[in-house]
């Protein structure tokens, strides 16, 4: 199963905004139980969508500048970026089917 790379305030622009592929970023925290439940789902999606989509995580406690910049008020929050722009956002735990359906609607 794919590892989810972590992005930071310092790497967000290069790893997410300048990515040639769409990037789904999970804004989360270590203390967040729904974030931990979402992790294996995101790893599966990373494997299944390899080559079409990148996935990454961002720790909101350690990366407050990016968290504030995107107005993230709760965790987990998933934001889909394409060509440097936010194109979709989901808050709270999401089942795999809902994430895949929304990605498919946006990207295929």
PDB file of N, CA and C in Angstrom:
ATOM      1  N   UNK A   1       0.843  -1.176   0.000  1.00  0.00           N
ATOM      2  CA  UNK A   1       0.000   0.000   0.000  1.00  0.00           C
ATOM      3  C   UNK A   1       0.892   1.244   0.000  1.00  0.00           C
ATOM      4  N   UNK A   2       0.491   2.242  -0.734  1.00  0.00           N
ATOM      5  CA  UNK A   2       1.292   3.460  -0.896  1.00  0.00           C
ATOM      6  C   UNK A   2       1.412   4.229   0.420  1.00  0.00           C
ATOM      7  N   UNK A   3       2.574   4.808   0.606  1.00  0.00           N
ATOM      8  CA  UNK A   3       2.766   5.746   1.708  1.00  0.00           C
ATOM      9  C   UNK A   3       2.242   7.097   1.251  1.00  0.00           C
ATOM     10  N   UNK A   4       1.717   7.862   2.172  1.00  0.00           N
ATOM     11  CA  UNK A   4       1.235   9.195   1.844  1.00  0.00           C
ATOM     12  C   UNK A   4       2.309  10.203   2.228  1.00  0.00           C
ATOM     13  N   UNK A   5       2.896  10.880   1.251  1.00  0.00           N
ATOM     14  CA  UNK A   5       3.918  11.862   1.586  1.00  0.00           C
ATOM     15  C   UNK A   5       3.313  13.023   2.364  1.00  0.00           C
ATOM     16  N   UNK A   6       4.110  13.579   3.258  1.00  0.00           N
ATOM     17  CA  UNK A   6       3.656  14.729   4.028  1.00  0.00           C
ATOM     18  C   UNK A   6       4.186  16.000   3.385  1.00  0.00           C
ATOM     19  N   UNK A   7       3.302  16.972   3.197  1.00  0.00           N
ATOM     20  CA  UNK A   7       3.717  18.282   2.724  1.00  0.00           C
ATOM     21  C   UNK A   7       3.703  19.241   3.904  1.00  0.00           C
ATOM     22  N   UNK A   8       4.479  20.292   3.784  1.00  0.00           N
ATOM     23  CA  UNK A   8       4.619  21.269   4.860  1.00  0.00           C
ATOM     24  C   UNK A   8       4.393  22.670   4.302  1.00  0.00           C
ATOM     25  N   UNK A   9       4.389  23.651   5.198  1.00  0.00           N
ATOM     26  CA  UNK A   9       4.309  25.039   4.744  1.00  0.00           C
ATOM     27  C   UNK A   9       5.411  25.319   3.730  1.00  0.00           C
ATOM     28  N   UNK A  10       6.604  24.775   3.970  1.00  0.00           N
ATOM     29  CA  UNK A  10       7.750  25.024   3.109  1.00  0.00           C
ATOM     30  C   UNK A  10       7.725  24.299   1.779  1.00  0.00           C
ATOM     31  N   UNK A  11       7.012  23.182   1.696  1.00  0.00           N
ATOM     32  CA  UNK A  11       7.005  22.401   0.448  1.00  0.00           C
ATOM     33  C   UNK A  11       5.672  22.447  -0.289  1.00  0.00           C
ATOM     34  N   UNK A  12       4.681  23.097   0.297  1.00  0.00           N
ATOM     35  CA  UNK A  12       3.335  23.070  -0.272  1.00  0.00           C
ATOM     36  C   UNK A  12       3.297  23.610  -1.696  1.00  0.00           C
ATOM     37  N   UNK A  13       3.953  24.731  -1.932  1.00  0.00           N
ATOM     38  CA  UNK A  13       3.907  25.319  -3.270  1.00  0.00           C
ATOM     39  C   UNK A  13       4.525  24.390  -4.310  1.00  0.00           C
ATOM     40  N   UNK A  14       5.705  23.862  -4.021  1.00  0.00           N
ATOM     41  CA  UNK A  14       6.371  23.004  -5.008  1.00  0.00           C
ATOM     42  C   UNK A  14       5.694  21.643  -5.137  1.00  0.00           C
ATOM     43  N   UNK A  15       5.265  21.050  -4.033  1.00  0.00           N
ATOM     44  CA  UNK A  15       4.699  19.698  -4.065  1.00  0.00           C
ATOM     45  C   UNK A  15       3.230  19.645  -4.479  1.00  0.00           C
ATOM     46  N   UNK A  16       2.493  20.712  -4.223  1.00  0.00           N
ATOM     47  CA  UNK A  16       1.053  20.696  -4.499  1.00  0.00           C
ATOM     48  C   UNK A  16       0.683  21.682  -5.610  1.00  0.00           C
ATOM     49  N   UNK A  17       0.985  22.938  -5.397  1.00  0.00           N
ATOM     50  CA  UNK A  17       0.518  23.964  -6.326  1.00  0.00           C
ATOM     51  C   UNK A  17       1.204  23.895  -7.686  1.00  0.00           C
ATOM     52  N   UNK A  18       2.444  23.439  -7.724  1.00  0.00           N
ATOM     53  CA  UNK A  18       3.168  23.336  -8.994  1.00  0.00           C
ATOM     54  C   UNK A  18       3.183  21.921  -9.567  1.00  0.00           C
ATOM     55  N   UNK A  19       2.450  21.029  -8.978  1.00  0.00           N
ATOM     56  CA  UNK A  19       2.420  19.642  -9.446  1.00  0.00           C
ATOM     57  C   UNK A  19       1.786  19.558 -10.823  1.00  0.00           C
ATOM     58  N   UNK A  20       2.362  18.704 -11.663  1.00  0.00           N
ATOM     59  CA  UNK A  20       1.788  18.491 -12.999  1.00  0.00           C
ATOM     60  C   UNK A  20       0.536  17.620 -12.933  1.00  0.00           C
ATOM     61  N   UNK A  21       0.360  16.907 -11.830  1.00  0.00           N
ATOM     62  CA  UNK A  21      -0.827  16.069 -11.623  1.00  0.00           C
ATOM     63  C   UNK A  21      -1.726  16.718 -10.584  1.00  0.00           C
ATOM     64  N   UNK A  22      -3.017  16.408 -10.604  1.00  0.00           N
ATOM     65  CA  UNK A  22      -3.879  16.839  -9.497  1.00  0.00           C
ATOM     66  C   UNK A  22      -3.373  16.231  -8.190  1.00  0.00           C
ATOM     67  N   UNK A  23      -3.564  16.961  -7.099  1.00  0.00           N
ATOM     68  CA  UNK A  23      -3.113  16.499  -5.782  1.00  0.00           C
ATOM     69  C   UNK A  23      -4.275  16.608  -4.799  1.00  0.00           C
ATOM     70  N   UNK A  24      -4.562  15.510  -4.110  1.00  0.00           N
ATOM     71  CA  UNK A  24      -5.554  15.495  -3.048  1.00  0.00           C
ATOM     72  C   UNK A  24      -4.802  15.566  -1.723  1.00  0.00           C
ATOM     73  N   UNK A  25      -5.033  16.640  -0.968  1.00  0.00           N
ATOM     74  CA  UNK A  25      -4.323  16.850   0.295  1.00  0.00           C
ATOM     75  C   UNK A  25      -5.291  16.634   1.448  1.00  0.00           C
ATOM     76  N   UNK A  26      -4.866  15.784   2.380  1.00  0.00           N
ATOM     77  CA  UNK A  26      -5.629  15.596   3.617  1.00  0.00           C
ATOM     78  C   UNK A  26      -5.024  16.499   4.674  1.00  0.00           C
ATOM     79  N   UNK A  27      -5.789  17.485   5.118  1.00  0.00           N
ATOM     80  CA  UNK A  27      -5.398  18.333   6.236  1.00  0.00           C
ATOM     81  C   UNK A  27      -5.867  17.610   7.491  1.00  0.00           C
ATOM     82  N   UNK A  28      -4.927  17.204   8.328  1.00  0.00           N
ATOM     83  CA  UNK A  28      -5.282  16.406   9.494  1.00  0.00           C
ATOM     84  C   UNK A  28      -4.347  16.662  10.663  1.00  0.00           C
ATOM     85  N   UNK A  29      -4.456  15.811  11.680  1.00  0.00           N
ATOM     86  CA  UNK A  29      -3.637  15.929  12.883  1.00  0.00           C
ATOM     87  C   UNK A  29      -3.487  14.550  13.517  1.00  0.00           C
ATOM     88  N   UNK A  30      -2.385  14.366  14.228  1.00  0.00           N
ATOM     89  CA  UNK A  30      -2.140  13.074  14.880  1.00  0.00           C
ATOM     90  C   UNK A  30      -3.223  12.712  15.877  1.00  0.00           C
ATOM     91  N   UNK A  31      -3.789  13.687  16.569  1.00  0.00           N
ATOM     92  CA  UNK A  31      -4.786  13.438  17.606  1.00  0.00           C
ATOM     93  C   UNK A  31      -6.180  13.176  17.041  1.00  0.00           C
ATOM     94  N   UNK A  32      -6.343  13.280  15.728  1.00  0.00           N
ATOM     95  CA  UNK A  32      -7.650  13.177  15.072  1.00  0.00           C
ATOM     96  C   UNK A  32      -7.976  11.725  14.727  1.00  0.00           C
ATOM     97  N   UNK A  33      -8.936  11.140  15.421  1.00  0.00           N
ATOM     98  CA  UNK A  33      -9.315   9.749  15.170  1.00  0.00           C
ATOM     99  C   UNK A  33      -9.892   9.559  13.763  1.00  0.00           C
ATOM    100  N   UNK A  34     -10.797  10.421  13.280  1.00  0.00           N
ATOM    101  CA  UNK A  34     -11.280  10.240  11.904  1.00  0.00           C
ATOM    102  C   UNK A  34     -10.151  10.323  10.869  1.00  0.00           C
ATOM    103  N   UNK A  35      -9.128  11.118  11.147  1.00  0.00           N
ATOM    104  CA  UNK A  35      -7.976  11.199  10.232  1.00  0.00           C
ATOM    105  C   UNK A  35      -7.269   9.850  10.167  1.00  0.00           C
ATOM    106  N   UNK A  36      -7.103   9.209  11.307  1.00  0.00           N
ATOM    107  CA  UNK A  36      -6.456   7.891  11.339  1.00  0.00           C
ATOM    108  C   UNK A  36      -7.311   6.849  10.616  1.00  0.00           C
ATOM    109  N   UNK A  37      -8.620   6.956  10.729  1.00  0.00           N
ATOM    110  CA  UNK A  37      -9.513   6.027  10.028  1.00  0.00           C
ATOM    111  C   UNK A  37      -9.484   6.258   8.517  1.00  0.00           C
ATOM    112  N   UNK A  38      -9.237   7.471   8.110  1.00  0.00           N
ATOM    113  CA  UNK A  38      -9.209   7.825   6.692  1.00  0.00           C
ATOM    114  C   UNK A  38      -7.903   7.395   6.020  1.00  0.00           C
ATOM    115  N   UNK A  39      -6.829   7.287   6.778  1.00  0.00           N
ATOM    116  CA  UNK A  39      -5.512   7.002   6.206  1.00  0.00           C
ATOM    117  C   UNK A  39      -5.464   5.749   5.332  1.00  0.00           C
ATOM    118  N   UNK A  40      -5.966   4.589   5.774  1.00  0.00           N
ATOM    119  CA  UNK A  40      -5.898   3.414   4.896  1.00  0.00           C
ATOM    120  C   UNK A  40      -6.727   3.579   3.619  1.00  0.00           C
ATOM    121  N   UNK A  41      -7.820   4.315   3.698  1.00  0.00           N
ATOM    122  CA  UNK A  41      -8.634   4.580   2.521  1.00  0.00           C
ATOM    123  C   UNK A  41      -7.841   5.412   1.521  1.00  0.00           C
ATOM    124  N   UNK A  42      -7.165   6.431   2.016  1.00  0.00           N
ATOM    125  CA  UNK A  42      -6.374   7.289   1.134  1.00  0.00           C
ATOM    126  C   UNK A  42      -5.202   6.529   0.525  1.00  0.00           C
ATOM    127  N   UNK A  43      -4.619   5.612   1.280  1.00  0.00           N
ATOM    128  CA  UNK A  43      -3.532   4.789   0.734  1.00  0.00           C
ATOM    129  C   UNK A  43      -4.030   3.903  -0.401  1.00  0.00           C
ATOM    130  N   UNK A  44      -5.211   3.331  -0.234  1.00  0.00           N
ATOM    131  CA  UNK A  44      -5.799   2.514  -1.306  1.00  0.00           C
ATOM    132  C   UNK A  44      -6.046   3.355  -2.551  1.00  0.00           C
ATOM    133  N   UNK A  45      -6.594   4.540  -2.356  1.00  0.00           N
ATOM    134  CA  UNK A  45      -6.862   5.425  -3.487  1.00  0.00           C
ATOM    135  C   UNK A  45      -5.546   5.816  -4.163  1.00  0.00           C
ATOM    136  N   UNK A  46      -4.513   6.077  -3.379  1.00  0.00           N
ATOM    137  CA  UNK A  46      -3.200   6.424  -3.952  1.00  0.00           C
ATOM    138  C   UNK A  46      -2.698   5.300  -4.851  1.00  0.00           C
ATOM    139  N   UNK A  47      -2.871   4.062  -4.423  1.00  0.00           N
ATOM    140  CA  UNK A  47      -2.465   2.915  -5.245  1.00  0.00           C
ATOM    141  C   UNK A  47      -3.313   2.821  -6.518  1.00  0.00           C
ATOM    142  N   UNK A  48      -4.604   2.936  -6.363  1.00  0.00           N
ATOM    143  CA  UNK A  48      -5.525   2.750  -7.478  1.00  0.00           C
ATOM    144  C   UNK A  48      -5.456   3.880  -8.509  1.00  0.00           C
ATOM    145  N   UNK A  49      -5.131   5.066  -8.077  1.00  0.00           N
ATOM    146  CA  UNK A  49      -5.096   6.234  -8.958  1.00  0.00           C
ATOM    147  C   UNK A  49      -3.662   6.634  -9.317  1.00  0.00           C
ATOM    148  N   UNK A  50      -2.704   5.776  -9.040  1.00  0.00           N
ATOM    149  CA  UNK A  50      -1.303   6.083  -9.321  1.00  0.00           C
ATOM    150  C   UNK A  50      -1.144   6.489 -10.788  1.00  0.00           C
ATOM    151  N   UNK A  51      -0.412   7.553 -11.019  1.00  0.00           N
ATOM    152  CA  UNK A  51      -0.202   8.061 -12.362  1.00  0.00           C
ATOM    153  C   UNK A  51      -1.230   9.086 -12.804  1.00  0.00           C
ATOM    154  N   UNK A  52      -2.375   9.154 -12.096  1.00  0.00           N
ATOM    155  CA  UNK A  52      -3.424  10.122 -12.437  1.00  0.00           C
ATOM    156  C   UNK A  52      -3.630  11.158 -11.355  1.00  0.00           C
ATOM    157  N   UNK A  53      -3.227  10.818 -10.118  1.00  0.00           N
ATOM    158  CA  UNK A  53      -3.508  11.656  -8.962  1.00  0.00           C
ATOM    159  C   UNK A  53      -2.433  11.417  -7.910  1.00  0.00           C
ATOM    160  N   UNK A  54      -1.992  12.478  -7.270  1.00  0.00           N
ATOM    161  CA  UNK A  54      -1.090  12.351  -6.129  1.00  0.00           C
ATOM    162  C   UNK A  54      -1.894  12.632  -4.864  1.00  0.00           C
ATOM    163  N   UNK A  55      -1.549  11.938  -3.786  1.00  0.00           N
ATOM    164  CA  UNK A  55      -2.158  12.196  -2.493  1.00  0.00           C
ATOM    165  C   UNK A  55      -1.072  12.603  -1.521  1.00  0.00           C
ATOM    166  N   UNK A  56      -1.421  13.460  -0.577  1.00  0.00           N
ATOM    167  CA  UNK A  56      -0.466  13.918   0.425  1.00  0.00           C
ATOM    168  C   UNK A  56      -1.230  14.288   1.690  1.00  0.00           C
ATOM    169  N   UNK A  57      -0.487  14.387   2.792  1.00  0.00           N
ATOM    170  CA  UNK A  57      -1.072  14.818   4.054  1.00  0.00           C
ATOM    171  C   UNK A  57      -0.376  16.089   4.515  1.00  0.00           C
ATOM    172  N   UNK A  58      -1.075  16.870   5.315  1.00  0.00           N
ATOM    173  CA  UNK A  58      -0.514  18.064   5.919  1.00  0.00           C
ATOM    174  C   UNK A  58      -0.971  18.104   7.364  1.00  0.00           C
ATOM    175  N   UNK A  59      -0.033  18.186   8.291  1.00  0.00           N
ATOM    176  CA  UNK A  59      -0.323  18.265   9.724  1.00  0.00           C
ATOM    177  C   UNK A  59      -0.684  19.711  10.053  1.00  0.00           C
ATOM    178  N   UNK A  60      -1.925  19.937  10.434  1.00  0.00           N
ATOM    179  CA  UNK A  60      -2.388  21.308  10.666  1.00  0.00           C
ATOM    180  C   UNK A  60      -1.701  21.965  11.856  1.00  0.00           C
ATOM    181  N   UNK A  61      -1.290  21.171  12.838  1.00  0.00           N
ATOM    182  CA  UNK A  61      -0.638  21.737  14.018  1.00  0.00           C
ATOM    183  C   UNK A  61       0.767  22.236  13.703  1.00  0.00           C
ATOM    184  N   UNK A  62       1.466  21.553  12.815  1.00  0.00           N
ATOM    185  CA  UNK A  62       2.839  21.910  12.475  1.00  0.00           C
ATOM    186  C   UNK A  62       2.919  22.871  11.290  1.00  0.00           C
ATOM    187  N   UNK A  63       1.826  23.067  10.579  1.00  0.00           N
ATOM    188  CA  UNK A  63       1.835  23.856   9.342  1.00  0.00           C
ATOM    189  C   UNK A  63       0.666  24.841   9.333  1.00  0.00           C
ATOM    190  N   UNK A  64       0.709  25.757  10.277  1.00  0.00           N
ATOM    191  CA  UNK A  64      -0.419  26.664  10.462  1.00  0.00           C
ATOM    192  C   UNK A  64      -0.586  27.674   9.328  1.00  0.00           C
ATOM    193  N   UNK A  65       0.493  28.067   8.664  1.00  0.00           N
ATOM    194  CA  UNK A  65       0.372  29.066   7.595  1.00  0.00           C
ATOM    195  C   UNK A  65      -0.509  28.540   6.458  1.00  0.00           C
ATOM    196  N   UNK A  66      -0.264  27.314   6.028  1.00  0.00           N
ATOM    197  CA  UNK A  66      -1.059  26.732   4.943  1.00  0.00           C
ATOM    198  C   UNK A  66      -2.482  26.445   5.409  1.00  0.00           C
ATOM    199  N   UNK A  67      -2.614  25.992   6.643  1.00  0.00           N
ATOM    200  CA  UNK A  67      -3.935  25.717   7.206  1.00  0.00           C
ATOM    201  C   UNK A  67      -4.782  26.987   7.214  1.00  0.00           C
ATOM    202  N   UNK A  68      -4.201  28.090   7.652  1.00  0.00           N
ATOM    203  CA  UNK A  68      -4.916  29.370   7.682  1.00  0.00           C
ATOM    204  C   UNK A  68      -5.186  29.866   6.266  1.00  0.00           C
ATOM    205  N   UNK A  69      -4.195  29.749   5.395  1.00  0.00           N
ATOM    206  CA  UNK A  69      -4.334  30.221   4.008  1.00  0.00           C
ATOM    207  C   UNK A  69      -5.550  29.604   3.329  1.00  0.00           C
ATOM    208  N   UNK A  70      -5.813  28.328   3.601  1.00  0.00           N
ATOM    209  CA  UNK A  70      -6.929  27.639   2.964  1.00  0.00           C
ATOM    210  C   UNK A  70      -8.172  27.562   3.849  1.00  0.00           C
ATOM    211  N   UNK A  71      -8.156  28.254   4.977  1.00  0.00           N
ATOM    212  CA  UNK A  71      -9.343  28.353   5.812  1.00  0.00           C
ATOM    213  C   UNK A  71      -9.834  27.037   6.360  1.00  0.00           C
ATOM    214  N   UNK A  72      -8.913  26.127   6.648  1.00  0.00           N
ATOM    215  CA  UNK A  72      -9.299  24.822   7.188  1.00  0.00           C
ATOM    216  C   UNK A  72      -9.705  25.008   8.646  1.00  0.00           C
ATOM    217  N   UNK A  73     -10.961  24.678   8.938  1.00  0.00           N
ATOM    218  CA  UNK A  73     -11.508  24.889  10.273  1.00  0.00           C
ATOM    219  C   UNK A  73     -11.718  23.594  11.054  1.00  0.00           C
ATOM    220  N   UNK A  74     -11.669  22.457  10.380  1.00  0.00           N
ATOM    221  CA  UNK A  74     -11.872  21.182  11.047  1.00  0.00           C
ATOM    222  C   UNK A  74     -11.098  20.097  10.330  1.00  0.00           C
ATOM    223  N   UNK A  75     -10.887  19.003  11.028  1.00  0.00           N
ATOM    224  CA  UNK A  75     -10.145  17.887  10.440  1.00  0.00           C
ATOM    225  C   UNK A  75     -10.973  16.616  10.560  1.00  0.00           C
ATOM    226  N   UNK A  76     -10.818  15.721   9.611  1.00  0.00           N
ATOM    227  CA  UNK A  76     -10.030  15.882   8.393  1.00  0.00           C
ATOM    228  C   UNK A  76     -10.760  16.756   7.373  1.00  0.00           C
ATOM    229  N   UNK A  77      -9.969  17.477   6.596  1.00  0.00           N
ATOM    230  CA  UNK A  77     -10.472  18.203   5.438  1.00  0.00           C
ATOM    231  C   UNK A  77      -9.655  17.735   4.244  1.00  0.00           C
ATOM    232  N   UNK A  78     -10.323  17.356   3.189  1.00  0.00           N
ATOM    233  CA  UNK A  78      -9.665  16.941   1.949  1.00  0.00           C
ATOM    234  C   UNK A  78      -9.858  18.053   0.928  1.00  0.00           C
ATOM    235  N   UNK A  79      -8.754  18.496   0.322  1.00  0.00           N
ATOM    236  CA  UNK A  79      -8.831  19.519  -0.719  1.00  0.00           C
ATOM    237  C   UNK A  79      -8.129  18.982  -1.955  1.00  0.00           C
ATOM    238  N   UNK A  80      -8.836  19.038  -3.088  1.00  0.00           N
ATOM    239  CA  UNK A  80      -8.284  18.617  -4.359  1.00  0.00           C
ATOM    240  C   UNK A  80      -7.769  19.851  -5.099  1.00  0.00           C
ATOM    241  N   UNK A  81      -6.490  19.816  -5.439  1.00  0.00           N
ATOM    242  CA  UNK A  81      -5.846  20.905  -6.173  1.00  0.00           C
ATOM    243  C   UNK A  81      -5.517  20.431  -7.576  1.00  0.00           C
ATOM    244  N   UNK A  82      -5.763  21.306  -8.553  1.00  0.00           N
ATOM    245  CA  UNK A  82      -5.401  21.013  -9.927  1.00  0.00           C
ATOM    246  C   UNK A  82      -4.877  22.297 -10.539  1.00  0.00           C
ATOM    247  N   UNK A  83      -3.690  22.218 -11.135  1.00  0.00           N
ATOM    248  CA  UNK A  83      -3.029  23.372 -11.735  1.00  0.00           C
ATOM    249  C   UNK A  83      -2.954  24.537 -10.758  1.00  0.00           C
ATOM    250  N   UNK A  84      -2.641  24.218  -9.504  1.00  0.00           N
ATOM    251  CA  UNK A  84      -2.439  25.239  -8.480  1.00  0.00           C
ATOM    252  C   UNK A  84      -3.692  25.826  -7.870  1.00  0.00           C
ATOM    253  N   UNK A  85      -4.857  25.328  -8.258  1.00  0.00           N
ATOM    254  CA  UNK A  85      -6.117  25.867  -7.764  1.00  0.00           C
ATOM    255  C   UNK A  85      -6.906  24.818  -6.997  1.00  0.00           C
ATOM    256  N   UNK A  86      -7.574  25.260  -5.951  1.00  0.00           N
ATOM    257  CA  UNK A  86      -8.502  24.378  -5.242  1.00  0.00           C
ATOM    258  C   UNK A  86      -9.727  24.176  -6.121  1.00  0.00           C
ATOM    259  N   UNK A  87     -10.066  22.907  -6.386  1.00  0.00           N
ATOM    260  CA  UNK A  87     -11.235  22.652  -7.220  1.00  0.00           C
ATOM    261  C   UNK A  87     -12.335  21.868  -6.497  1.00  0.00           C
ATOM    262  N   UNK A  88     -12.021  21.316  -5.336  1.00  0.00           N
ATOM    263  CA  UNK A  88     -13.018  20.539  -4.588  1.00  0.00           C
ATOM    264  C   UNK A  88     -12.562  20.456  -3.142  1.00  0.00           C
ATOM    265  N   UNK A  89     -13.527  20.439  -2.218  1.00  0.00           N
ATOM    266  CA  UNK A  89     -13.212  20.343  -0.785  1.00  0.00           C
ATOM    267  C   UNK A  89     -14.277  19.503  -0.091  1.00  0.00           C
ATOM    268  N   UNK A  90     -13.819  18.618   0.806  1.00  0.00           N
ATOM    269  CA  UNK A  90     -14.716  17.810   1.620  1.00  0.00           C
ATOM    270  C   UNK A  90     -14.253  17.900   3.066  1.00  0.00           C
ATOM    271  N   UNK A  91     -15.183  18.026   3.973  1.00  0.00           N
ATOM    272  CA  UNK A  91     -14.848  18.083   5.399  1.00  0.00           C
ATOM    273  C   UNK A  91     -15.416  16.869   6.106  1.00  0.00           C
ATOM    274  N   UNK A  92     -14.660  16.396   7.089  1.00  0.00           N
ATOM    275  CA  UNK A  92     -15.096  15.238   7.864  1.00  0.00           C
ATOM    276  C   UNK A  92     -14.713  13.932   7.197  1.00  0.00           C
ATOM    277  N   UNK A  93     -14.921  12.858   7.928  1.00  0.00           N
ATOM    278  CA  UNK A  93     -14.616  11.526   7.399  1.00  0.00           C
ATOM    279  C   UNK A  93     -15.485  11.254   6.183  1.00  0.00           C
ATOM    280  N   UNK A  94     -14.864  10.691   5.143  1.00  0.00           N
ATOM    281  CA  UNK A  94     -15.580  10.347   3.918  1.00  0.00           C
ATOM    282  C   UNK A  94     -15.330   8.877   3.609  1.00  0.00           C
ATOM    283  N   UNK A  95     -16.364   8.119   3.285  1.00  0.00           N
ATOM    284  CA  UNK A  95     -16.141   6.741   2.870  1.00  0.00           C
ATOM    285  C   UNK A  95     -15.451   6.715   1.500  1.00  0.00           C
ATOM    286  N   UNK A  96     -14.753   5.639   1.233  1.00  0.00           N
ATOM    287  CA  UNK A  96     -13.983   5.516   0.002  1.00  0.00           C
ATOM    288  C   UNK A  96     -14.849   5.754  -1.228  1.00  0.00           C
ATOM    289  N   UNK A  97     -16.003   5.138  -1.287  1.00  0.00           N
ATOM    290  CA  UNK A  97     -16.864   5.262  -2.465  1.00  0.00           C
ATOM    291  C   UNK A  97     -17.190   6.721  -2.773  1.00  0.00           C
ATOM    292  N   UNK A  98     -17.476   7.522  -1.734  1.00  0.00           N
ATOM    293  CA  UNK A  98     -17.806   8.933  -1.935  1.00  0.00           C
ATOM    294  C   UNK A  98     -16.606   9.707  -2.466  1.00  0.00           C
ATOM    295  N   UNK A  99     -15.420   9.424  -1.940  1.00  0.00           N
ATOM    296  CA  UNK A  99     -14.210  10.102  -2.422  1.00  0.00           C
ATOM    297  C   UNK A  99     -13.964   9.748  -3.882  1.00  0.00           C
ATOM    298  N   UNK A 100     -14.022   8.462  -4.203  1.00  0.00           N
ATOM    299  CA  UNK A 100     -13.766   8.009  -5.570  1.00  0.00           C
ATOM    300  C   UNK A 100     -14.810   8.585  -6.528  1.00  0.00           C
ATOM    301  N   UNK A 101     -16.077   8.601  -6.133  1.00  0.00           N
ATOM    302  CA  UNK A 101     -17.117   9.154  -7.000  1.00  0.00           C
ATOM    303  C   UNK A 101     -16.860  10.628  -7.284  1.00  0.00           C
ATOM    304  N   UNK A 102     -16.471  11.373  -6.270  1.00  0.00           N
ATOM    305  CA  UNK A 102     -16.235  12.802  -6.466  1.00  0.00           C
ATOM    306  C   UNK A 102     -14.969  13.049  -7.286  1.00  0.00           C
ATOM    307  N   UNK A 103     -13.945  12.243  -7.067  1.00  0.00           N
ATOM    308  CA  UNK A 103     -12.745  12.370  -7.891  1.00  0.00           C
ATOM    309  C   UNK A 103     -13.065  12.052  -9.340  1.00  0.00           C
ATOM    310  N   UNK A 104     -13.801  10.982  -9.563  1.00  0.00           N
ATOM    311  CA  UNK A 104     -14.161  10.572 -10.919  1.00  0.00           C
ATOM    312  C   UNK A 104     -14.959  11.668 -11.633  1.00  0.00           C
ATOM    313  N   UNK A 105     -15.875  12.282 -10.928  1.00  0.00           N
ATOM    314  CA  UNK A 105     -16.690  13.345 -11.528  1.00  0.00           C
ATOM    315  C   UNK A 105     -15.839  14.550 -11.917  1.00  0.00           C
ATOM    316  N   UNK A 106     -14.779  14.805 -11.169  1.00  0.00           N
ATOM    317  CA  UNK A 106     -13.928  15.964 -11.417  1.00  0.00           C
ATOM    318  C   UNK A 106     -12.827  15.702 -12.450  1.00  0.00           C
ATOM    319  N   UNK A 107     -12.397  14.446 -12.548  1.00  0.00           N
ATOM    320  CA  UNK A 107     -11.170  14.180 -13.287  1.00  0.00           C
ATOM    321  C   UNK A 107     -11.352  13.322 -14.535  1.00  0.00           C
ATOM    322  N   UNK A 108     -12.484  12.725 -14.736  1.00  0.00           N
ATOM    323  CA  UNK A 108     -12.634  11.832 -15.897  1.00  0.00           C
ATOM    324  C   UNK A 108     -13.673  12.325 -16.867  1.00  0.00           C
TER     325      UNK A 108
END
